[in-house]
Amino acid sequence: MLHLIEQLNIKYPIIQGGMGNISNAILTAAVSEAGGLGTIGCGTMTPDQVEEMIQETKRRTDKPFAVNIPITVTPFLEDIINVVIDNHIPVVSLSAGNPTSIIPKLHSYGIKVIVVVASVKHARKAERAGADLLVAEGFEAAGINSNLELTTFTLIPQLTQCVDIPVIAAGGIGDGKGLAAALMLGASGVQIGTRLIATQEAPFHMSYKQKLIQASDTDTIVVGRSVGQVRRILNTPYANRIVEKENEGMILEEYNKMTSENLHVIGALKGDFVNGFINSGQVAGLLSNIPSVKELLENMMEEASSQIQQSFSVFETFTS
């Protein structure tokens, strides 16, 4: 944990997940100001849009923040890489593609590289390619997921045994108990996404936040299995339309249109769940309030500390 904090120059071992085209400077800055590592997700945004968001984030905080580049999702890969270099971004996370050719260029400018992985095989390849840290994302997570469907609880201990670089747990984590569990599994920290949607600073539609805190443990659904493009979203009228189309025999092109970032924006920013979708991880079933980002991170750290101490005390009674 300390190694992670030192590498990223942050206070708490908590980083924000990339959020595609609903990413914004307000939440990114709030996470960094609160002691975590805020992250701007590029999604399919243009280089100018990403640069504008970076500049706005810098106006809101002087703390470090990261930029997430989804390699096979962005149509502007080389230009986005140049944007992060020109703007002296200290940390870049790479997802949705092979990072091998990108890492050396980022390293040449002193940029720390996080690679998002979902299997032991991918973790080993990322480490060999030079990744500084790994985010190991379980199938519980929101949005685009690996079709391997490995869970966080099984993935983390396997990865920490096979690589020598810090592993950050993602998927199904939204409170201090989740943070404590991740640390006990061998992770150096956690990445959270869904939990940050339901915070005071997050500039998303209130209907989205309310939908999350009202969600039960079974209110997320997985779409895209039939076309090999797995995504976890919240159960809404639009989500049901995707399921119906998929059951009828959807092709990949149609699926991509129905899950485009534009439709993500309609759901998340406009609160229109008939004409757009909203991502959500299974952790939604744990959410019950809308705290500030500062309150959330502080409470996570306090709860994790309490949980670890309590568990240690109980365990001591078995070994004494």
C-alpha atoms as a PDB file:
ATOM      1  CA  MET A   1       0.000   0.000   0.000  1.00  0.00           C
ATOM      2  CA  LEU A   2       2.755   2.428   0.917  1.00  0.00           C
ATOM      3  CA  HIS A   3       4.575   1.642  -2.329  1.00  0.00           C
ATOM      4  CA  LEU A   4       1.444   2.538  -4.296  1.00  0.00           C
ATOM      5  CA  ILE A   5       0.948   5.792  -2.406  1.00  0.00           C
ATOM      6  CA  GLU A   6       4.562   6.791  -2.954  1.00  0.00           C
ATOM      7  CA  GLN A   7       4.513   5.903  -6.646  1.00  0.00           C
ATOM      8  CA  LEU A   8       1.384   7.935  -7.341  1.00  0.00           C
ATOM      9  CA  ASN A   9       2.103  10.698  -4.810  1.00  0.00           C
ATOM     10  CA  ILE A  10      -1.330  10.399  -3.170  1.00  0.00           C
ATOM     11  CA  LYS A  11      -2.621  10.231   0.404  1.00  0.00           C
ATOM     12  CA  TYR A  12      -4.981   7.262   0.193  1.00  0.00           C
ATOM     13  CA  PRO A  13      -4.678   4.026  -1.852  1.00  0.00           C
ATOM     14  CA  ILE A  14      -7.865   4.822  -3.773  1.00  0.00           C
ATOM     15  CA  ILE A  15      -8.057   5.733  -7.451  1.00  0.00           C
ATOM     16  CA  GLN A  16     -10.951   6.717  -9.674  1.00  0.00           C
ATOM     17  CA  GLY A  17     -11.906   4.533 -12.597  1.00  0.00           C
ATOM     18  CA  GLY A  18     -12.155   6.003 -16.091  1.00  0.00           C
ATOM     19  CA  MET A  19     -15.737   6.926 -16.962  1.00  0.00           C
ATOM     20  CA  GLY A  20     -15.647   7.316 -20.716  1.00  0.00           C
ATOM     21  CA  ASN A  21     -17.495  10.274 -22.165  1.00  0.00           C
ATOM     22  CA  ILE A  22     -19.226  11.154 -18.897  1.00  0.00           C
ATOM     23  CA  SER A  23     -15.830  11.887 -17.386  1.00  0.00           C
ATOM     24  CA  ASN A  24     -15.439  15.419 -16.047  1.00  0.00           C
ATOM     25  CA  ALA A  25     -13.024  17.773 -14.327  1.00  0.00           C
ATOM     26  CA  ILE A  26     -15.247  18.380 -11.295  1.00  0.00           C
ATOM     27  CA  LEU A  27     -15.223  14.823 -10.006  1.00  0.00           C
ATOM     28  CA  THR A  28     -11.631  14.174 -11.071  1.00  0.00           C
ATOM     29  CA  ALA A  29     -10.403  17.190  -9.106  1.00  0.00           C
ATOM     30  CA  ALA A  30     -12.585  16.322  -6.108  1.00  0.00           C
ATOM     31  CA  VAL A  31     -11.055  12.834  -5.873  1.00  0.00           C
ATOM     32  CA  SER A  32      -7.508  14.187  -6.066  1.00  0.00           C
ATOM     33  CA  GLU A  33      -8.273  16.963  -3.572  1.00  0.00           C
ATOM     34  CA  ALA A  34      -9.683  14.364  -1.174  1.00  0.00           C
ATOM     35  CA  GLY A  35      -6.440  12.366  -1.256  1.00  0.00           C
ATOM     36  CA  GLY A  36      -7.104   9.802  -3.977  1.00  0.00           C
ATOM     37  CA  LEU A  37      -6.033   9.763  -7.596  1.00  0.00           C
ATOM     38  CA  GLY A  38      -8.662  11.378  -9.794  1.00  0.00           C
ATOM     39  CA  THR A  39      -8.900  10.113 -13.353  1.00  0.00           C
ATOM     40  CA  ILE A  40     -10.086  11.627 -16.612  1.00  0.00           C
ATOM     41  CA  GLY A  41     -11.486   8.998 -18.964  1.00  0.00           C
ATOM     42  CA  CYS A  42     -11.016   9.784 -22.661  1.00  0.00           C
ATOM     43  CA  GLY A  43     -13.711   7.507 -24.058  1.00  0.00           C
ATOM     44  CA  THR A  44     -14.315   8.603 -27.649  1.00  0.00           C
ATOM     45  CA  MET A  45     -13.763  12.300 -26.943  1.00  0.00           C
ATOM     46  CA  THR A  46     -11.637  14.383 -29.300  1.00  0.00           C
ATOM     47  CA  PRO A  47      -8.121  15.473 -28.313  1.00  0.00           C
ATOM     48  CA  ASP A  48      -9.382  19.060 -27.911  1.00  0.00           C
ATOM     49  CA  GLN A  49     -12.120  17.922 -25.531  1.00  0.00           C
ATOM     50  CA  VAL A  50      -9.648  15.921 -23.462  1.00  0.00           C
ATOM     51  CA  GLU A  51      -7.181  18.798 -23.326  1.00  0.00           C
ATOM     52  CA  GLU A  52      -9.920  21.201 -22.238  1.00  0.00           C
ATOM     53  CA  MET A  53     -10.873  18.806 -19.433  1.00  0.00           C
ATOM     54  CA  ILE A  54      -7.251  18.475 -18.361  1.00  0.00           C
ATOM     55  CA  GLN A  55      -6.872  22.237 -18.187  1.00  0.00           C
ATOM     56  CA  GLU A  56     -10.068  22.622 -16.189  1.00  0.00           C
ATOM     57  CA  THR A  57      -8.941  19.918 -13.774  1.00  0.00           C
ATOM     58  CA  LYS A  58      -5.633  21.715 -13.291  1.00  0.00           C
ATOM     59  CA  ARG A  59      -7.543  24.896 -12.454  1.00  0.00           C
ATOM     60  CA  ARG A  60      -9.448  23.003  -9.769  1.00  0.00           C
ATOM     61  CA  THR A  61      -6.554  21.120  -8.140  1.00  0.00           C
ATOM     62  CA  ASP A  62      -2.777  21.118  -7.964  1.00  0.00           C
ATOM     63  CA  LYS A  63      -2.790  17.473  -6.870  1.00  0.00           C
ATOM     64  CA  PRO A  64      -1.793  14.625  -9.229  1.00  0.00           C
ATOM     65  CA  PHE A  65      -4.460  13.077 -11.458  1.00  0.00           C
ATOM     66  CA  ALA A  66      -4.451  10.458 -14.198  1.00  0.00           C
ATOM     67  CA  VAL A  67      -5.826  10.082 -17.706  1.00  0.00           C
ATOM     68  CA  ASN A  68      -7.342   6.790 -18.834  1.00  0.00           C
ATOM     69  CA  ILE A  69      -6.881   5.904 -22.509  1.00  0.00           C
ATOM     70  CA  PRO A  70      -9.056   3.031 -23.800  1.00  0.00           C
ATOM     71  CA  ILE A  71      -6.759   1.881 -26.594  1.00  0.00           C
ATOM     72  CA  THR A  72      -9.232   0.271 -28.990  1.00  0.00           C
ATOM     73  CA  VAL A  73     -12.124   2.569 -28.096  1.00  0.00           C
ATOM     74  CA  THR A  74     -10.655   5.983 -28.835  1.00  0.00           C
ATOM     75  CA  PRO A  75     -10.387   6.881 -32.531  1.00  0.00           C
ATOM     76  CA  PHE A  76      -7.651   9.401 -31.642  1.00  0.00           C
ATOM     77  CA  LEU A  77      -5.069   7.210 -29.909  1.00  0.00           C
ATOM     78  CA  GLU A  78      -1.841   8.901 -31.068  1.00  0.00           C
ATOM     79  CA  ASP A  79      -3.253  12.396 -30.645  1.00  0.00           C
ATOM     80  CA  ILE A  80      -4.492  11.622 -27.129  1.00  0.00           C
ATOM     81  CA  ILE A  81      -1.072  10.238 -26.190  1.00  0.00           C
ATOM     82  CA  ASN A  82       0.487  13.490 -27.367  1.00  0.00           C
ATOM     83  CA  VAL A  83      -2.051  15.487 -25.357  1.00  0.00           C
ATOM     84  CA  VAL A  84      -1.104  13.757 -22.086  1.00  0.00           C
ATOM     85  CA  ILE A  85       2.584  14.208 -22.844  1.00  0.00           C
ATOM     86  CA  ASP A  86       2.207  17.896 -23.744  1.00  0.00           C
ATOM     87  CA  ASN A  87       0.203  18.509 -20.573  1.00  0.00           C
ATOM     88  CA  HIS A  88       2.711  16.718 -18.306  1.00  0.00           C
ATOM     89  CA  ILE A  89       0.194  14.224 -16.930  1.00  0.00           C
ATOM     90  CA  PRO A  90       2.041  12.164 -14.273  1.00  0.00           C
ATOM     91  CA  VAL A  91      -0.017   8.960 -14.539  1.00  0.00           C
ATOM     92  CA  VAL A  92      -1.750   7.287 -17.482  1.00  0.00           C
ATOM     93  CA  SER A  93      -3.922   4.197 -17.299  1.00  0.00           C
ATOM     94  CA  LEU A  94      -4.287   2.044 -20.401  1.00  0.00           C
ATOM     95  CA  SER A  95      -7.251  -0.246 -20.982  1.00  0.00           C
ATOM     96  CA  ALA A  96      -9.181  -2.056 -23.717  1.00  0.00           C
ATOM     97  CA  GLY A  97      -6.215  -3.052 -25.830  1.00  0.00           C
ATOM     98  CA  ASN A  98      -2.561  -4.040 -26.061  1.00  0.00           C
ATOM     99  CA  PRO A  99      -0.356  -1.447 -24.285  1.00  0.00           C
ATOM    100  CA  THR A 100       3.006  -2.883 -25.358  1.00  0.00           C
ATOM    101  CA  SER A 101       3.897  -0.266 -27.957  1.00  0.00           C
ATOM    102  CA  ILE A 102       2.613   2.654 -25.888  1.00  0.00           C
ATOM    103  CA  ILE A 103       4.339   2.124 -22.533  1.00  0.00           C
ATOM    104  CA  PRO A 104       7.919   2.921 -23.670  1.00  0.00           C
ATOM    105  CA  LYS A 105       6.852   6.263 -25.154  1.00  0.00           C
ATOM    106  CA  LEU A 106       5.050   7.275 -21.958  1.00  0.00           C
ATOM    107  CA  HIS A 107       8.000   6.159 -19.843  1.00  0.00           C
ATOM    108  CA  SER A 108      10.363   8.271 -21.931  1.00  0.00           C
ATOM    109  CA  TYR A 109       8.494  11.310 -20.609  1.00  0.00           C
ATOM    110  CA  GLY A 110       8.550  10.121 -17.005  1.00  0.00           C
ATOM    111  CA  ILE A 111       4.903   9.058 -16.956  1.00  0.00           C
ATOM    112  CA  LYS A 112       3.817   6.231 -14.637  1.00  0.00           C
ATOM    113  CA  VAL A 113       1.707   3.658 -16.472  1.00  0.00           C
ATOM    114  CA  ILE A 114      -1.189   1.681 -15.021  1.00  0.00           C
ATOM    115  CA  VAL A 115      -2.547  -1.157 -17.152  1.00  0.00           C
ATOM    116  CA  VAL A 116      -6.046  -2.551 -16.611  1.00  0.00           C
ATOM    117  CA  VAL A 117      -6.113  -6.361 -16.797  1.00  0.00           C
ATOM    118  CA  ALA A 118      -8.633  -9.125 -16.175  1.00  0.00           C
ATOM    119  CA  SER A 119      -6.581 -12.329 -16.152  1.00  0.00           C
ATOM    120  CA  VAL A 120      -3.245 -13.776 -15.067  1.00  0.00           C
ATOM    121  CA  LYS A 121      -2.120 -14.028 -18.700  1.00  0.00           C
ATOM    122  CA  HIS A 122      -2.781 -10.342 -19.357  1.00  0.00           C
ATOM    123  CA  ALA A 123      -1.153  -9.330 -16.074  1.00  0.00           C
ATOM    124  CA  ARG A 124       2.063 -11.127 -16.948  1.00  0.00           C
ATOM    125  CA  LYS A 125       2.126  -9.613 -20.421  1.00  0.00           C
ATOM    126  CA  ALA A 126       1.551  -6.106 -19.012  1.00  0.00           C
ATOM    127  CA  GLU A 127       4.373  -6.521 -16.498  1.00  0.00           C
ATOM    128  CA  ARG A 128       6.746  -7.734 -19.225  1.00  0.00           C
ATOM    129  CA  ALA A 129       5.733  -4.732 -21.335  1.00  0.00           C
ATOM    130  CA  GLY A 130       6.877  -2.429 -18.527  1.00  0.00           C
ATOM    131  CA  ALA A 131       3.677  -1.478 -16.667  1.00  0.00           C
ATOM    132  CA  ASP A 132       4.377   0.225 -13.338  1.00  0.00           C
ATOM    133  CA  LEU A 133       1.098  -0.860 -11.762  1.00  0.00           C
ATOM    134  CA  LEU A 134      -1.867  -3.038 -12.625  1.00  0.00           C
ATOM    135  CA  VAL A 135      -5.574  -2.550 -12.089  1.00  0.00           C
ATOM    136  CA  ALA A 136      -7.107  -6.007 -11.817  1.00  0.00           C
ATOM    137  CA  GLU A 137     -10.772  -5.630 -12.682  1.00  0.00           C
ATOM    138  CA  GLY A 138     -13.276  -8.257 -11.672  1.00  0.00           C
ATOM    139  CA  PHE A 139     -16.507  -9.010 -13.484  1.00  0.00           C
ATOM    140  CA  GLU A 140     -18.502  -7.178 -10.801  1.00  0.00           C
ATOM    141  CA  ALA A 141     -17.366  -3.859 -12.252  1.00  0.00           C
ATOM    142  CA  ALA A 142     -19.489  -1.368 -14.188  1.00  0.00           C
ATOM    143  CA  GLY A 143     -19.310  -0.782 -17.909  1.00  0.00           C
ATOM    144  CA  ILE A 144     -17.112  -2.639 -20.377  1.00  0.00           C
ATOM    145  CA  ASN A 145     -15.808  -5.877 -18.904  1.00  0.00           C
ATOM    146  CA  SER A 146     -13.691  -8.832 -19.931  1.00  0.00           C
ATOM    147  CA  ASN A 147     -15.593 -11.713 -21.468  1.00  0.00           C
ATOM    148  CA  LEU A 148     -13.515 -14.014 -19.239  1.00  0.00           C
ATOM    149  CA  GLU A 149     -15.851 -13.056 -16.373  1.00  0.00           C
ATOM    150  CA  LEU A 150     -13.383 -13.611 -13.518  1.00  0.00           C
ATOM    151  CA  THR A 151     -14.439 -12.194 -10.155  1.00  0.00           C
ATOM    152  CA  THR A 152     -12.410  -9.760  -8.073  1.00  0.00           C
ATOM    153  CA  PHE A 153     -12.156 -12.128  -5.131  1.00  0.00           C
ATOM    154  CA  THR A 154     -10.541 -14.853  -7.235  1.00  0.00           C
ATOM    155  CA  LEU A 155      -8.543 -12.592  -9.548  1.00  0.00           C
ATOM    156  CA  ILE A 156      -6.584 -10.497  -7.019  1.00  0.00           C
ATOM    157  CA  PRO A 157      -4.773 -13.269  -5.103  1.00  0.00           C
ATOM    158  CA  GLN A 158      -3.828 -15.032  -8.333  1.00  0.00           C
ATOM    159  CA  LEU A 159      -2.372 -11.858  -9.835  1.00  0.00           C
ATOM    160  CA  THR A 160      -0.438 -10.853  -6.740  1.00  0.00           C
ATOM    161  CA  GLN A 161       1.241 -14.262  -6.777  1.00  0.00           C
ATOM    162  CA  CYS A 162       2.374 -13.993 -10.400  1.00  0.00           C
ATOM    163  CA  VAL A 163       3.607 -10.383 -10.714  1.00  0.00           C
ATOM    164  CA  ASP A 164       6.039  -8.231  -8.761  1.00  0.00           C
ATOM    165  CA  ILE A 165       4.416  -4.843  -9.393  1.00  0.00           C
ATOM    166  CA  PRO A 166       1.577  -3.365  -7.289  1.00  0.00           C
ATOM    167  CA  VAL A 167      -1.918  -4.631  -8.043  1.00  0.00           C
ATOM    168  CA  ILE A 168      -4.951  -2.399  -7.568  1.00  0.00           C
ATOM    169  CA  ALA A 169      -8.287  -4.167  -7.080  1.00  0.00           C
ATOM    170  CA  ALA A 170     -11.355  -3.053  -9.025  1.00  0.00           C
ATOM    171  CA  GLY A 171     -14.893  -4.358  -9.269  1.00  0.00           C
ATOM    172  CA  GLY A 172     -17.422  -4.613  -6.434  1.00  0.00           C
ATOM    173  CA  ILE A 173     -15.633  -2.178  -4.110  1.00  0.00           C
ATOM    174  CA  GLY A 174     -17.400   0.813  -2.615  1.00  0.00           C
ATOM    175  CA  ASP A 175     -16.703   0.991   1.106  1.00  0.00           C
ATOM    176  CA  GLY A 176     -14.045   0.425   3.748  1.00  0.00           C
ATOM    177  CA  LYS A 177     -14.813  -3.248   4.111  1.00  0.00           C
ATOM    178  CA  GLY A 178     -14.179  -3.688   0.403  1.00  0.00           C
ATOM    179  CA  LEU A 179     -10.900  -1.802   0.729  1.00  0.00           C
ATOM    180  CA  ALA A 180      -9.874  -3.969   3.700  1.00  0.00           C
ATOM    181  CA  ALA A 181     -10.780  -7.140   1.821  1.00  0.00           C
ATOM    182  CA  ALA A 182      -8.756  -6.064  -1.214  1.00  0.00           C
ATOM    183  CA  LEU A 183      -5.718  -5.393   0.965  1.00  0.00           C
ATOM    184  CA  MET A 184      -6.089  -8.790   2.654  1.00  0.00           C
ATOM    185  CA  LEU A 185      -6.173 -10.435  -0.783  1.00  0.00           C
ATOM    186  CA  GLY A 186      -2.809  -8.831  -1.534  1.00  0.00           C
ATOM    187  CA  ALA A 187      -3.839  -5.705  -3.436  1.00  0.00           C
ATOM    188  CA  SER A 188      -1.993  -2.444  -2.806  1.00  0.00           C
ATOM    189  CA  GLY A 189      -5.116  -0.314  -3.204  1.00  0.00           C
ATOM    190  CA  VAL A 190      -8.470  -0.077  -4.949  1.00  0.00           C
ATOM    191  CA  GLN A 191     -10.086   1.537  -7.961  1.00  0.00           C
ATOM    192  CA  ILE A 192     -13.699   2.645  -7.588  1.00  0.00           C
ATOM    193  CA  GLY A 193     -16.209   3.951 -10.105  1.00  0.00           C
ATOM    194  CA  THR A 194     -19.889   3.326  -9.347  1.00  0.00           C
ATOM    195  CA  ARG A 195     -19.506   4.506  -5.742  1.00  0.00           C
ATOM    196  CA  LEU A 196     -18.145   7.855  -6.997  1.00  0.00           C
ATOM    197  CA  ILE A 197     -21.180   8.427  -9.228  1.00  0.00           C
ATOM    198  CA  ALA A 198     -23.329   8.749  -6.124  1.00  0.00           C
ATOM    199  CA  THR A 199     -21.385  11.599  -4.532  1.00  0.00           C
ATOM    200  CA  GLN A 200     -22.289  15.244  -4.062  1.00  0.00           C
ATOM    201  CA  GLU A 201     -19.656  16.631  -6.425  1.00  0.00           C
ATOM    202  CA  ALA A 202     -20.317  14.191  -9.281  1.00  0.00           C
ATOM    203  CA  PRO A 203     -22.105  16.265 -11.986  1.00  0.00           C
ATOM    204  CA  PHE A 204     -24.427  13.493 -13.110  1.00  0.00           C
ATOM    205  CA  HIS A 205     -28.211  13.577 -13.240  1.00  0.00           C
ATOM    206  CA  MET A 206     -29.801  13.156  -9.821  1.00  0.00           C
ATOM    207  CA  SER A 207     -32.009  10.405 -11.245  1.00  0.00           C
ATOM    208  CA  TYR A 208     -28.843   8.394 -11.937  1.00  0.00           C
ATOM    209  CA  LYS A 209     -27.635   8.831  -8.365  1.00  0.00           C
ATOM    210  CA  GLN A 210     -31.044   7.976  -6.919  1.00  0.00           C
ATOM    211  CA  LYS A 211     -31.287   4.918  -9.152  1.00  0.00           C
ATOM    212  CA  LEU A 212     -27.968   3.685  -7.780  1.00  0.00           C
ATOM    213  CA  ILE A 213     -28.793   4.125  -4.097  1.00  0.00           C
ATOM    214  CA  GLN A 214     -32.189   2.495  -4.606  1.00  0.00           C
ATOM    215  CA  ALA A 215     -30.681  -0.483  -6.437  1.00  0.00           C
ATOM    216  CA  SER A 216     -30.755  -3.978  -4.969  1.00  0.00           C
ATOM    217  CA  ASP A 217     -28.087  -6.638  -5.275  1.00  0.00           C
ATOM    218  CA  THR A 218     -29.653  -7.966  -8.490  1.00  0.00           C
ATOM    219  CA  ASP A 219     -30.383  -4.694 -10.306  1.00  0.00           C
ATOM    220  CA  THR A 220     -27.466  -4.782 -12.729  1.00  0.00           C
ATOM    221  CA  ILE A 221     -27.573  -6.785 -15.936  1.00  0.00           C
ATOM    222  CA  VAL A 222     -24.917  -7.969 -18.357  1.00  0.00           C
ATOM    223  CA  VAL A 223     -25.343  -7.321 -22.066  1.00  0.00           C
ATOM    224  CA  GLY A 224     -23.186  -8.135 -25.069  1.00  0.00           C
ATOM    225  CA  ARG A 225     -22.273 -11.754 -24.379  1.00  0.00           C
ATOM    226  CA  SER A 226     -23.704 -12.859 -27.723  1.00  0.00           C
ATOM    227  CA  VAL A 227     -21.396 -10.502 -29.639  1.00  0.00           C
ATOM    228  CA  GLY A 228     -18.330 -10.858 -27.402  1.00  0.00           C
ATOM    229  CA  GLN A 229     -18.550  -7.307 -26.010  1.00  0.00           C
ATOM    230  CA  VAL A 230     -19.548  -7.651 -22.376  1.00  0.00           C
ATOM    231  CA  ARG A 231     -20.911  -4.652 -20.467  1.00  0.00           C
ATOM    232  CA  ARG A 232     -22.546  -4.330 -17.033  1.00  0.00           C
ATOM    233  CA  ILE A 233     -25.316  -1.733 -16.820  1.00  0.00           C
ATOM    234  CA  LEU A 234     -28.201  -0.867 -14.525  1.00  0.00           C
ATOM    235  CA  ASN A 235     -31.571  -2.432 -15.244  1.00  0.00           C
ATOM    236  CA  THR A 236     -33.639   0.267 -16.994  1.00  0.00           C
ATOM    237  CA  PRO A 237     -36.201   0.401 -19.832  1.00  0.00           C
ATOM    238  CA  TYR A 238     -33.389   1.055 -22.323  1.00  0.00           C
ATOM    239  CA  ALA A 239     -31.341  -1.819 -20.913  1.00  0.00           C
ATOM    240  CA  ASN A 240     -34.297  -4.123 -21.458  1.00  0.00           C
ATOM    241  CA  ARG A 241     -34.456  -3.020 -25.092  1.00  0.00           C
ATOM    242  CA  ILE A 242     -30.836  -4.070 -25.536  1.00  0.00           C
ATOM    243  CA  VAL A 243     -31.613  -7.468 -23.992  1.00  0.00           C
ATOM    244  CA  GLU A 244     -34.625  -7.931 -26.263  1.00  0.00           C
ATOM    245  CA  LYS A 245     -32.616  -7.062 -29.366  1.00  0.00           C
ATOM    246  CA  GLU A 246     -29.831  -9.387 -28.289  1.00  0.00           C
ATOM    247  CA  ASN A 247     -32.291 -12.231 -27.770  1.00  0.00           C
ATOM    248  CA  GLU A 248     -33.580 -11.628 -31.292  1.00  0.00           C
ATOM    249  CA  GLY A 249     -30.101 -12.084 -32.753  1.00  0.00           C
ATOM    250  CA  MET A 250     -28.259  -8.787 -32.644  1.00  0.00           C
ATOM    251  CA  ILE A 251     -25.086  -8.285 -34.697  1.00  0.00           C
ATOM    252  CA  LEU A 252     -22.000  -6.507 -33.353  1.00  0.00           C
ATOM    253  CA  GLU A 253     -22.560  -3.333 -35.375  1.00  0.00           C
ATOM    254  CA  GLU A 254     -26.063  -2.922 -33.976  1.00  0.00           C
ATOM    255  CA  TYR A 255     -24.871  -3.636 -30.434  1.00  0.00           C
ATOM    256  CA  ASN A 256     -22.134  -1.002 -30.715  1.00  0.00           C
ATOM    257  CA  LYS A 257     -24.697   1.558 -31.851  1.00  0.00           C
ATOM    258  CA  MET A 258     -27.006   0.748 -28.940  1.00  0.00           C
ATOM    259  CA  THR A 259     -24.169   1.038 -26.397  1.00  0.00           C
ATOM    260  CA  SER A 260     -22.356   4.044 -27.853  1.00  0.00           C
ATOM    261  CA  GLU A 261     -20.909   6.700 -25.588  1.00  0.00           C
ATOM    262  CA  ASN A 262     -23.508   9.172 -26.871  1.00  0.00           C
ATOM    263  CA  LEU A 263     -26.269   6.984 -25.435  1.00  0.00           C
ATOM    264  CA  HIS A 264     -24.259   6.640 -22.224  1.00  0.00           C
ATOM    265  CA  VAL A 265     -24.289  10.436 -21.944  1.00  0.00           C
ATOM    266  CA  ILE A 266     -28.079  10.564 -22.496  1.00  0.00           C
ATOM    267  CA  GLY A 267     -28.631   8.218 -19.588  1.00  0.00           C
ATOM    268  CA  ALA A 268     -26.011   9.552 -17.177  1.00  0.00           C
ATOM    269  CA  LEU A 269     -26.196  13.297 -17.782  1.00  0.00           C
ATOM    270  CA  LYS A 270     -29.789  13.739 -18.919  1.00  0.00           C
ATOM    271  CA  GLY A 271     -31.339  11.084 -16.708  1.00  0.00           C
ATOM    272  CA  ASP A 272     -33.216   9.644 -19.678  1.00  0.00           C
ATOM    273  CA  PHE A 273     -33.408   5.901 -19.065  1.00  0.00           C
ATOM    274  CA  VAL A 274     -35.749   5.267 -21.984  1.00  0.00           C
ATOM    275  CA  ASN A 275     -33.378   6.562 -24.657  1.00  0.00           C
ATOM    276  CA  GLY A 276     -30.009   6.000 -22.967  1.00  0.00           C
ATOM    277  CA  PHE A 277     -28.272   3.594 -20.563  1.00  0.00           C
ATOM    278  CA  ILE A 278     -26.339   3.942 -17.316  1.00  0.00           C
ATOM    279  CA  ASN A 279     -23.362   1.871 -16.239  1.00  0.00           C
ATOM    280  CA  SER A 280     -23.353   0.320 -12.803  1.00  0.00           C
ATOM    281  CA  GLY A 281     -21.307  -2.244 -10.938  1.00  0.00           C
ATOM    282  CA  GLN A 282     -22.810  -4.807  -8.601  1.00  0.00           C
ATOM    283  CA  VAL A 283     -21.638  -2.638  -5.722  1.00  0.00           C
ATOM    284  CA  ALA A 284     -24.772  -0.523  -6.309  1.00  0.00           C
ATOM    285  CA  GLY A 285     -26.591  -2.839  -3.919  1.00  0.00           C
ATOM    286  CA  LEU A 286     -24.374  -1.506  -1.118  1.00  0.00           C
ATOM    287  CA  LEU A 287     -25.057   2.186  -1.741  1.00  0.00           C
ATOM    288  CA  SER A 288     -27.440   4.040   0.542  1.00  0.00           C
ATOM    289  CA  ASN A 289     -26.333   7.690   0.598  1.00  0.00           C
ATOM    290  CA  ILE A 290     -24.738  10.503  -1.415  1.00  0.00           C
ATOM    291  CA  PRO A 291     -21.723  11.772   0.556  1.00  0.00           C
ATOM    292  CA  SER A 292     -19.102  14.267  -0.513  1.00  0.00           C
ATOM    293  CA  VAL A 293     -16.019  12.712  -2.088  1.00  0.00           C
ATOM    294  CA  LYS A 294     -13.953  13.779   0.922  1.00  0.00           C
ATOM    295  CA  GLU A 295     -16.393  12.109   3.313  1.00  0.00           C
ATOM    296  CA  LEU A 296     -16.434   8.969   1.201  1.00  0.00           C
ATOM    297  CA  LEU A 297     -12.665   8.514   1.072  1.00  0.00           C
ATOM    298  CA  GLU A 298     -12.161   9.354   4.739  1.00  0.00           C
ATOM    299  CA  ASN A 299     -14.934   6.965   5.766  1.00  0.00           C
ATOM    300  CA  MET A 300     -13.470   4.222   3.600  1.00  0.00           C
ATOM    301  CA  MET A 301     -10.087   4.582   5.249  1.00  0.00           C
ATOM    302  CA  GLU A 302     -11.575   4.677   8.769  1.00  0.00           C
ATOM    303  CA  GLU A 303     -13.822   1.692   8.131  1.00  0.00           C
ATOM    304  CA  ALA A 304     -10.993  -0.301   6.548  1.00  0.00           C
ATOM    305  CA  SER A 305      -8.728   0.376   9.525  1.00  0.00           C
ATOM    306  CA  SER A 306     -11.462  -0.597  11.981  1.00  0.00           C
ATOM    307  CA  GLN A 307     -12.327  -3.739  10.049  1.00  0.00           C
ATOM    308  CA  ILE A 308      -8.712  -4.882   9.829  1.00  0.00           C
ATOM    309  CA  GLN A 309      -8.110  -4.267  13.543  1.00  0.00           C
ATOM    310  CA  GLN A 310     -11.323  -6.030  14.500  1.00  0.00           C
ATOM    311  CA  SER A 311     -10.531  -9.028  12.337  1.00  0.00           C
ATOM    312  CA  PHE A 312      -6.994  -9.165  13.712  1.00  0.00           C
ATOM    313  CA  SER A 313      -8.312  -9.166  17.276  1.00  0.00           C
ATOM    314  CA  VAL A 314     -10.744 -11.977  16.519  1.00  0.00           C
ATOM    315  CA  PHE A 315      -8.055 -13.949  14.718  1.00  0.00           C
ATOM    316  CA  GLU A 316      -5.680 -13.555  17.659  1.00  0.00           C
ATOM    317  CA  THR A 317      -8.140 -15.406  19.892  1.00  0.00           C
ATOM    318  CA  PHE A 318      -7.834 -18.447  17.622  1.00  0.00           C
ATOM    319  CA  THR A 319      -4.028 -18.479  17.662  1.00  0.00           C
ATOM    320  CA  SER A 320      -3.279 -17.500  21.267  1.00  0.00           C
END
